[in-house]
Amino acid sequence: MVFKTAAGLVNELIEAKQERRLTYLLRQLKRVDLSILDELGYITFDLSGDELLFQLLASRYETSSTMVTSNLMFSEWVRNIP
């Protein structure tokens, strides 16, 4: 299990991309049985951050569990979440 804030995870993904170790980090995060992503939508990300987060979530789709928490009302998700 991994617990990370959305902002912390996006920053980690951006740093890994800059250091040319993104593929390695994505592979590690994909293997985790349960990933808990906290505070999604609290901070908005630039396009690069959105794309990296989407890439991770898409790689986990149908293979691993991902739990997302947010203080936003569900109707507000479309404005803040990629």
PDB file of N, CA and C in Angstrom:
ATOM      1  N   MET A   1       0.834  -1.178   0.000  1.00  0.00           N
ATOM      2  CA  MET A   1       0.000   0.000   0.000  1.00  0.00           C
ATOM      3  C   MET A   1       0.885   1.249   0.000  1.00  0.00           C
ATOM      4  N   VAL A   2       0.441   2.248  -0.748  1.00  0.00           N
ATOM      5  CA  VAL A   2       1.132   3.530  -0.797  1.00  0.00           C
ATOM      6  C   VAL A   2       0.112   4.630  -0.539  1.00  0.00           C
ATOM      7  N   PHE A   3       0.449   5.572   0.315  1.00  0.00           N
ATOM      8  CA  PHE A   3      -0.403   6.725   0.598  1.00  0.00           C
ATOM      9  C   PHE A   3       0.372   7.979   0.238  1.00  0.00           C
ATOM     10  N   LYS A   4      -0.182   8.789  -0.669  1.00  0.00           N
ATOM     11  CA  LYS A   4       0.483  10.022  -1.081  1.00  0.00           C
ATOM     12  C   LYS A   4      -0.555  11.104  -1.306  1.00  0.00           C
ATOM     13  N   THR A   5      -0.166  12.349  -1.072  1.00  0.00           N
ATOM     14  CA  THR A   5      -1.040  13.439  -1.490  1.00  0.00           C
ATOM     15  C   THR A   5      -0.891  13.589  -2.997  1.00  0.00           C
ATOM     16  N   ALA A   6      -1.928  14.097  -3.637  1.00  0.00           N
ATOM     17  CA  ALA A   6      -1.878  14.290  -5.086  1.00  0.00           C
ATOM     18  C   ALA A   6      -0.728  15.223  -5.460  1.00  0.00           C
ATOM     19  N   ALA A   7      -0.576  16.309  -4.720  1.00  0.00           N
ATOM     20  CA  ALA A   7       0.499  17.265  -5.018  1.00  0.00           C
ATOM     21  C   ALA A   7       1.872  16.618  -4.850  1.00  0.00           C
ATOM     22  N   GLY A   8       2.045  15.857  -3.794  1.00  0.00           N
ATOM     23  CA  GLY A   8       3.317  15.176  -3.568  1.00  0.00           C
ATOM     24  C   GLY A   8       3.626  14.172  -4.665  1.00  0.00           C
ATOM     25  N   LEU A   9       2.613  13.440  -5.089  1.00  0.00           N
ATOM     26  CA  LEU A   9       2.802  12.451  -6.146  1.00  0.00           C
ATOM     27  C   LEU A   9       3.151  13.123  -7.464  1.00  0.00           C
ATOM     28  N   VAL A  10       2.439  14.164  -7.814  1.00  0.00           N
ATOM     29  CA  VAL A  10       2.731  14.864  -9.076  1.00  0.00           C
ATOM     30  C   VAL A  10       4.142  15.439  -9.041  1.00  0.00           C
ATOM     31  N   ASN A  11       4.540  16.023  -7.927  1.00  0.00           N
ATOM     32  CA  ASN A  11       5.906  16.545  -7.815  1.00  0.00           C
ATOM     33  C   ASN A  11       6.936  15.428  -7.974  1.00  0.00           C
ATOM     34  N   GLU A  12       6.650  14.277  -7.387  1.00  0.00           N
ATOM     35  CA  GLU A  12       7.547  13.122  -7.510  1.00  0.00           C
ATOM     36  C   GLU A  12       7.644  12.657  -8.966  1.00  0.00           C
ATOM     37  N   LEU A  13       6.506  12.624  -9.650  1.00  0.00           N
ATOM     38  CA  LEU A  13       6.499  12.216 -11.063  1.00  0.00           C
ATOM     39  C   LEU A  13       7.272  13.201 -11.930  1.00  0.00           C
ATOM     40  N   ILE A  14       7.100  14.502 -11.686  1.00  0.00           N
ATOM     41  CA  ILE A  14       7.814  15.525 -12.453  1.00  0.00           C
ATOM     42  C   ILE A  14       9.313  15.411 -12.225  1.00  0.00           C
ATOM     43  N   GLU A  15       9.725  15.240 -10.961  1.00  0.00           N
ATOM     44  CA  GLU A  15      11.152  15.091 -10.660  1.00  0.00           C
ATOM     45  C   GLU A  15      11.727  13.847 -11.333  1.00  0.00           C
ATOM     46  N   ALA A  16      10.971  12.754 -11.297  1.00  0.00           N
ATOM     47  CA  ALA A  16      11.440  11.517 -11.923  1.00  0.00           C
ATOM     48  C   ALA A  16      11.599  11.709 -13.429  1.00  0.00           C
ATOM     49  N   LYS A  17      10.681  12.437 -14.038  1.00  0.00           N
ATOM     50  CA  LYS A  17      10.783  12.691 -15.481  1.00  0.00           C
ATOM     51  C   LYS A  17      12.025  13.524 -15.790  1.00  0.00           C
ATOM     52  N   GLN A  18      12.268  14.548 -14.990  1.00  0.00           N
ATOM     53  CA  GLN A  18      13.439  15.405 -15.200  1.00  0.00           C
ATOM     54  C   GLN A  18      14.741  14.630 -15.012  1.00  0.00           C
ATOM     55  N   GLU A  19      14.729  13.659 -14.109  1.00  0.00           N
ATOM     56  CA  GLU A  19      15.925  12.860 -13.823  1.00  0.00           C
ATOM     57  C   GLU A  19      15.997  11.593 -14.671  1.00  0.00           C
ATOM     58  N   ARG A  20      15.097  11.473 -15.642  1.00  0.00           N
ATOM     59  CA  ARG A  20      15.048  10.341 -16.570  1.00  0.00           C
ATOM     60  C   ARG A  20      14.875   8.992 -15.868  1.00  0.00           C
ATOM     61  N   ARG A  21      14.059   8.995 -14.810  1.00  0.00           N
ATOM     62  CA  ARG A  21      13.743   7.748 -14.123  1.00  0.00           C
ATOM     63  C   ARG A  21      12.234   7.564 -13.985  1.00  0.00           C
ATOM     64  N   LEU A  22      11.464   8.206 -14.868  1.00  0.00           N
ATOM     65  CA  LEU A  22      10.005   8.128 -14.821  1.00  0.00           C
ATOM     66  C   LEU A  22       9.504   6.708 -15.069  1.00  0.00           C
ATOM     67  N   THR A  23      10.058   6.030 -16.058  1.00  0.00           N
ATOM     68  CA  THR A  23       9.628   4.670 -16.370  1.00  0.00           C
ATOM     69  C   THR A  23       9.809   3.760 -15.157  1.00  0.00           C
ATOM     70  N   TYR A  24      10.922   3.905 -14.479  1.00  0.00           N
ATOM     71  CA  TYR A  24      11.203   3.102 -13.280  1.00  0.00           C
ATOM     72  C   TYR A  24      10.178   3.389 -12.187  1.00  0.00           C
ATOM     73  N   LEU A  25       9.900   4.680 -11.925  1.00  0.00           N
ATOM     74  CA  LEU A  25       8.947   5.051 -10.885  1.00  0.00           C
ATOM     75  C   LEU A  25       7.541   4.561 -11.229  1.00  0.00           C
ATOM     76  N   LEU A  26       7.125   4.728 -12.484  1.00  0.00           N
ATOM     77  CA  LEU A  26       5.802   4.252 -12.897  1.00  0.00           C
ATOM     78  C   LEU A  26       5.684   2.746 -12.720  1.00  0.00           C
ATOM     79  N   ARG A  27       6.728   2.024 -13.047  1.00  0.00           N
ATOM     80  CA  ARG A  27       6.735   0.571 -12.885  1.00  0.00           C
ATOM     81  C   ARG A  27       6.588   0.200 -11.403  1.00  0.00           C
ATOM     82  N   GLN A  28       7.295   0.920 -10.528  1.00  0.00           N
ATOM     83  CA  GLN A  28       7.197   0.671  -9.089  1.00  0.00           C
ATOM     84  C   GLN A  28       5.780   0.938  -8.583  1.00  0.00           C
ATOM     85  N   LEU A  29       5.212   2.066  -8.981  1.00  0.00           N
ATOM     86  CA  LEU A  29       3.888   2.444  -8.504  1.00  0.00           C
ATOM     87  C   LEU A  29       2.791   1.553  -9.074  1.00  0.00           C
ATOM     88  N   LYS A  30       3.018   0.999 -10.242  1.00  0.00           N
ATOM     89  CA  LYS A  30       2.029   0.107 -10.842  1.00  0.00           C
ATOM     90  C   LYS A  30       1.944  -1.215 -10.078  1.00  0.00           C
ATOM     91  N   ARG A  31       3.024  -1.648  -9.476  1.00  0.00           N
ATOM     92  CA  ARG A  31       3.065  -2.922  -8.758  1.00  0.00           C
ATOM     93  C   ARG A  31       2.378  -2.889  -7.394  1.00  0.00           C
ATOM     94  N   VAL A  32       2.120  -1.700  -6.873  1.00  0.00           N
ATOM     95  CA  VAL A  32       1.509  -1.562  -5.549  1.00  0.00           C
ATOM     96  C   VAL A  32       0.056  -2.027  -5.614  1.00  0.00           C
ATOM     97  N   ASP A  33      -0.352  -2.872  -4.664  1.00  0.00           N
ATOM     98  CA  ASP A  33      -1.721  -3.402  -4.667  1.00  0.00           C
ATOM     99  C   ASP A  33      -2.767  -2.308  -4.463  1.00  0.00           C
ATOM    100  N   LEU A  34      -2.524  -1.411  -3.507  1.00  0.00           N
ATOM    101  CA  LEU A  34      -3.461  -0.332  -3.217  1.00  0.00           C
ATOM    102  C   LEU A  34      -2.705   0.982  -3.133  1.00  0.00           C
ATOM    103  N   SER A  35      -3.134   1.938  -3.921  1.00  0.00           N
ATOM    104  CA  SER A  35      -2.564   3.278  -3.894  1.00  0.00           C
ATOM    105  C   SER A  35      -3.655   4.239  -3.431  1.00  0.00           C
ATOM    106  N   ILE A  36      -3.365   4.992  -2.372  1.00  0.00           N
ATOM    107  CA  ILE A  36      -4.326   5.970  -1.855  1.00  0.00           C
ATOM    108  C   ILE A  36      -3.809   7.353  -2.225  1.00  0.00           C
ATOM    109  N   LEU A  37      -4.625   8.078  -2.974  1.00  0.00           N
ATOM    110  CA  LEU A  37      -4.269   9.404  -3.467  1.00  0.00           C
ATOM    111  C   LEU A  37      -5.132  10.419  -2.739  1.00  0.00           C
ATOM    112  N   ASP A  38      -4.525  11.190  -1.853  1.00  0.00           N
ATOM    113  CA  ASP A  38      -5.247  12.116  -0.982  1.00  0.00           C
ATOM    114  C   ASP A  38      -5.245  13.536  -1.540  1.00  0.00           C
ATOM    115  N   GLU A  39      -6.302  14.260  -1.242  1.00  0.00           N
ATOM    116  CA  GLU A  39      -6.438  15.679  -1.568  1.00  0.00           C
ATOM    117  C   GLU A  39      -6.443  15.969  -3.066  1.00  0.00           C
ATOM    118  N   LEU A  40      -7.004  15.079  -3.861  1.00  0.00           N
ATOM    119  CA  LEU A  40      -7.079  15.320  -5.297  1.00  0.00           C
ATOM    120  C   LEU A  40      -8.026  16.486  -5.557  1.00  0.00           C
ATOM    121  N   GLY A  41      -7.580  17.434  -6.348  1.00  0.00           N
ATOM    122  CA  GLY A  41      -8.383  18.615  -6.652  1.00  0.00           C
ATOM    123  C   GLY A  41      -8.112  19.785  -5.736  1.00  0.00           C
ATOM    124  N   TYR A  42      -7.384  19.568  -4.646  1.00  0.00           N
ATOM    125  CA  TYR A  42      -7.065  20.649  -3.709  1.00  0.00           C
ATOM    126  C   TYR A  42      -6.135  21.663  -4.359  1.00  0.00           C
ATOM    127  N   ILE A  43      -5.167  21.147  -5.106  1.00  0.00           N
ATOM    128  CA  ILE A  43      -4.226  21.987  -5.850  1.00  0.00           C
ATOM    129  C   ILE A  43      -4.344  21.609  -7.315  1.00  0.00           C
ATOM    130  N   THR A  44      -4.448  22.606  -8.185  1.00  0.00           N
ATOM    131  CA  THR A  44      -4.501  22.312  -9.618  1.00  0.00           C
ATOM    132  C   THR A  44      -3.075  22.184 -10.147  1.00  0.00           C
ATOM    133  N   PHE A  45      -2.929  21.378 -11.191  1.00  0.00           N
ATOM    134  CA  PHE A  45      -1.613  21.127 -11.778  1.00  0.00           C
ATOM    135  C   PHE A  45      -1.564  21.687 -13.183  1.00  0.00           C
ATOM    136  N   ASP A  46      -0.355  21.907 -13.664  1.00  0.00           N
ATOM    137  CA  ASP A  46      -0.214  22.321 -15.055  1.00  0.00           C
ATOM    138  C   ASP A  46      -0.458  21.106 -15.951  1.00  0.00           C
ATOM    139  N   LEU A  47      -0.443  21.332 -17.244  1.00  0.00           N
ATOM    140  CA  LEU A  47      -0.746  20.260 -18.196  1.00  0.00           C
ATOM    141  C   LEU A  47       0.194  19.075 -18.023  1.00  0.00           C
ATOM    142  N   SER A  48       1.462  19.340 -17.799  1.00  0.00           N
ATOM    143  CA  SER A  48       2.436  18.260 -17.628  1.00  0.00           C
ATOM    144  C   SER A  48       2.097  17.409 -16.408  1.00  0.00           C
ATOM    145  N   GLY A  49       1.758  18.051 -15.303  1.00  0.00           N
ATOM    146  CA  GLY A  49       1.384  17.321 -14.095  1.00  0.00           C
ATOM    147  C   GLY A  49       0.125  16.508 -14.300  1.00  0.00           C
ATOM    148  N   ASP A  50      -0.871  17.104 -14.969  1.00  0.00           N
ATOM    149  CA  ASP A  50      -2.109  16.372 -15.280  1.00  0.00           C
ATOM    150  C   ASP A  50      -1.821  15.143 -16.123  1.00  0.00           C
ATOM    151  N   GLU A  51      -0.967  15.303 -17.139  1.00  0.00           N
ATOM    152  CA  GLU A  51      -0.651  14.188 -18.034  1.00  0.00           C
ATOM    153  C   GLU A  51       0.078  13.063 -17.310  1.00  0.00           C
ATOM    154  N   LEU A  52       1.007  13.421 -16.432  1.00  0.00           N
ATOM    155  CA  LEU A  52       1.741  12.405 -15.689  1.00  0.00           C
ATOM    156  C   LEU A  52       0.821  11.657 -14.729  1.00  0.00           C
ATOM    157  N   LEU A  53      -0.067  12.376 -14.064  1.00  0.00           N
ATOM    158  CA  LEU A  53      -1.011  11.734 -13.162  1.00  0.00           C
ATOM    159  C   LEU A  53      -1.947  10.807 -13.937  1.00  0.00           C
ATOM    160  N   PHE A  54      -2.434  11.272 -15.081  1.00  0.00           N
ATOM    161  CA  PHE A  54      -3.295  10.435 -15.914  1.00  0.00           C
ATOM    162  C   PHE A  54      -2.549   9.184 -16.374  1.00  0.00           C
ATOM    163  N   GLN A  55      -1.290   9.354 -16.764  1.00  0.00           N
ATOM    164  CA  GLN A  55      -0.490   8.209 -17.224  1.00  0.00           C
ATOM    165  C   GLN A  55      -0.388   7.153 -16.122  1.00  0.00           C
ATOM    166  N   LEU A  56      -0.160   7.585 -14.890  1.00  0.00           N
ATOM    167  CA  LEU A  56      -0.076   6.644 -13.781  1.00  0.00           C
ATOM    168  C   LEU A  56      -1.419   5.958 -13.542  1.00  0.00           C
ATOM    169  N   LEU A  57      -2.493   6.742 -13.460  1.00  0.00           N
ATOM    170  CA  LEU A  57      -3.806   6.161 -13.194  1.00  0.00           C
ATOM    171  C   LEU A  57      -4.226   5.210 -14.311  1.00  0.00           C
ATOM    172  N   ALA A  58      -3.924   5.562 -15.545  1.00  0.00           N
ATOM    173  CA  ALA A  58      -4.269   4.694 -16.678  1.00  0.00           C
ATOM    174  C   ALA A  58      -3.476   3.383 -16.622  1.00  0.00           C
ATOM    175  N   SER A  59      -2.224   3.451 -16.181  1.00  0.00           N
ATOM    176  CA  SER A  59      -1.417   2.229 -16.119  1.00  0.00           C
ATOM    177  C   SER A  59      -1.919   1.285 -15.024  1.00  0.00           C
ATOM    178  N   ARG A  60      -2.555   1.828 -14.005  1.00  0.00           N
ATOM    179  CA  ARG A  60      -3.077   1.012 -12.901  1.00  0.00           C
ATOM    180  C   ARG A  60      -4.487   0.497 -13.180  1.00  0.00           C
ATOM    181  N   TYR A  61      -5.150   1.045 -14.166  1.00  0.00           N
ATOM    182  CA  TYR A  61      -6.529   0.707 -14.479  1.00  0.00           C
ATOM    183  C   TYR A  61      -6.673  -0.782 -14.772  1.00  0.00           C
ATOM    184  N   GLU A  62      -7.629  -1.409 -14.129  1.00  0.00           N
ATOM    185  CA  GLU A  62      -7.963  -2.829 -14.276  1.00  0.00           C
ATOM    186  C   GLU A  62      -6.879  -3.785 -13.795  1.00  0.00           C
ATOM    187  N   THR A  63      -5.818  -3.288 -13.179  1.00  0.00           N
ATOM    188  CA  THR A  63      -4.784  -4.187 -12.667  1.00  0.00           C
ATOM    189  C   THR A  63      -4.533  -3.987 -11.175  1.00  0.00           C
ATOM    190  N   SER A  64      -4.776  -2.789 -10.671  1.00  0.00           N
ATOM    191  CA  SER A  64      -4.506  -2.468  -9.278  1.00  0.00           C
ATOM    192  C   SER A  64      -5.604  -1.549  -8.756  1.00  0.00           C
ATOM    193  N   SER A  65      -5.726  -1.485  -7.436  1.00  0.00           N
ATOM    194  CA  SER A  65      -6.742  -0.624  -6.826  1.00  0.00           C
ATOM    195  C   SER A  65      -6.160   0.743  -6.510  1.00  0.00           C
ATOM    196  N   THR A  66      -6.954   1.769  -6.792  1.00  0.00           N
ATOM    197  CA  THR A  66      -6.566   3.143  -6.476  1.00  0.00           C
ATOM    198  C   THR A  66      -7.734   3.805  -5.767  1.00  0.00           C
ATOM    199  N   MET A  67      -7.463   4.350  -4.581  1.00  0.00           N
ATOM    200  CA  MET A  67      -8.472   5.055  -3.812  1.00  0.00           C
ATOM    201  C   MET A  67      -8.150   6.545  -3.887  1.00  0.00           C
ATOM    202  N   VAL A  68      -9.169   7.343  -4.163  1.00  0.00           N
ATOM    203  CA  VAL A  68      -8.982   8.779  -4.300  1.00  0.00           C
ATOM    204  C   VAL A  68      -9.817   9.479  -3.242  1.00  0.00           C
ATOM    205  N   THR A  69      -9.213  10.431  -2.529  1.00  0.00           N
ATOM    206  CA  THR A  69      -9.962  11.232  -1.568  1.00  0.00           C
ATOM    207  C   THR A  69      -9.898  12.688  -1.995  1.00  0.00           C
ATOM    208  N   SER A  70     -10.965  13.402  -1.685  1.00  0.00           N
ATOM    209  CA  SER A  70     -11.040  14.817  -2.035  1.00  0.00           C
ATOM    210  C   SER A  70     -12.049  15.487  -1.125  1.00  0.00           C
ATOM    211  N   ASN A  71     -11.833  16.746  -0.823  1.00  0.00           N
ATOM    212  CA  ASN A  71     -12.809  17.528  -0.068  1.00  0.00           C
ATOM    213  C   ASN A  71     -13.776  18.238  -0.999  1.00  0.00           C
ATOM    214  N   LEU A  72     -13.582  18.095  -2.303  1.00  0.00           N
ATOM    215  CA  LEU A  72     -14.472  18.725  -3.267  1.00  0.00           C
ATOM    216  C   LEU A  72     -15.788  17.955  -3.350  1.00  0.00           C
ATOM    217  N   MET A  73     -16.860  18.679  -3.624  1.00  0.00           N
ATOM    218  CA  MET A  73     -18.121  18.011  -3.920  1.00  0.00           C
ATOM    219  C   MET A  73     -17.942  17.305  -5.255  1.00  0.00           C
ATOM    220  N   PHE A  74     -18.599  16.177  -5.431  1.00  0.00           N
ATOM    221  CA  PHE A  74     -18.430  15.387  -6.646  1.00  0.00           C
ATOM    222  C   PHE A  74     -18.711  16.216  -7.896  1.00  0.00           C
ATOM    223  N   SER A  75     -19.671  17.106  -7.832  1.00  0.00           N
ATOM    224  CA  SER A  75     -20.018  17.935  -8.993  1.00  0.00           C
ATOM    225  C   SER A  75     -18.883  18.881  -9.389  1.00  0.00           C
ATOM    226  N   GLU A  76     -17.936  19.142  -8.484  1.00  0.00           N
ATOM    227  CA  GLU A  76     -16.810  20.038  -8.770  1.00  0.00           C
ATOM    228  C   GLU A  76     -15.600  19.303  -9.349  1.00  0.00           C
ATOM    229  N   TRP A  77     -15.619  17.984  -9.365  1.00  0.00           N
ATOM    230  CA  TRP A  77     -14.467  17.215  -9.829  1.00  0.00           C
ATOM    231  C   TRP A  77     -14.090  17.540 -11.260  1.00  0.00           C
ATOM    232  N   VAL A  78     -15.058  17.719 -12.130  1.00  0.00           N
ATOM    233  CA  VAL A  78     -14.754  17.927 -13.558  1.00  0.00           C
ATOM    234  C   VAL A  78     -13.971  19.214 -13.798  1.00  0.00           C
ATOM    235  N   ARG A  79     -14.061  20.172 -12.919  1.00  0.00           N
ATOM    236  CA  ARG A  79     -13.302  21.424 -13.080  1.00  0.00           C
ATOM    237  C   ARG A  79     -11.873  21.320 -12.575  1.00  0.00           C
ATOM    238  N   ASN A  80     -11.611  20.370 -11.699  1.00  0.00           N
ATOM    239  CA  ASN A  80     -10.306  20.327 -11.031  1.00  0.00           C
ATOM    240  C   ASN A  80      -9.502  19.071 -11.267  1.00  0.00           C
ATOM    241  N   ILE A  81     -10.115  18.046 -11.810  1.00  0.00           N
ATOM    242  CA  ILE A  81      -9.433  16.763 -11.949  1.00  0.00           C
ATOM    243  C   ILE A  81      -9.378  16.391 -13.417  1.00  0.00           C
ATOM    244  N   PRO A  82      -8.183  16.011 -13.899  1.00  0.00           N
ATOM    245  CA  PRO A  82      -8.018  15.703 -15.316  1.00  0.00           C
ATOM    246  C   PRO A  82      -8.893  14.567 -15.789  1.00  0.00           C
TER     247      PRO A  82
END
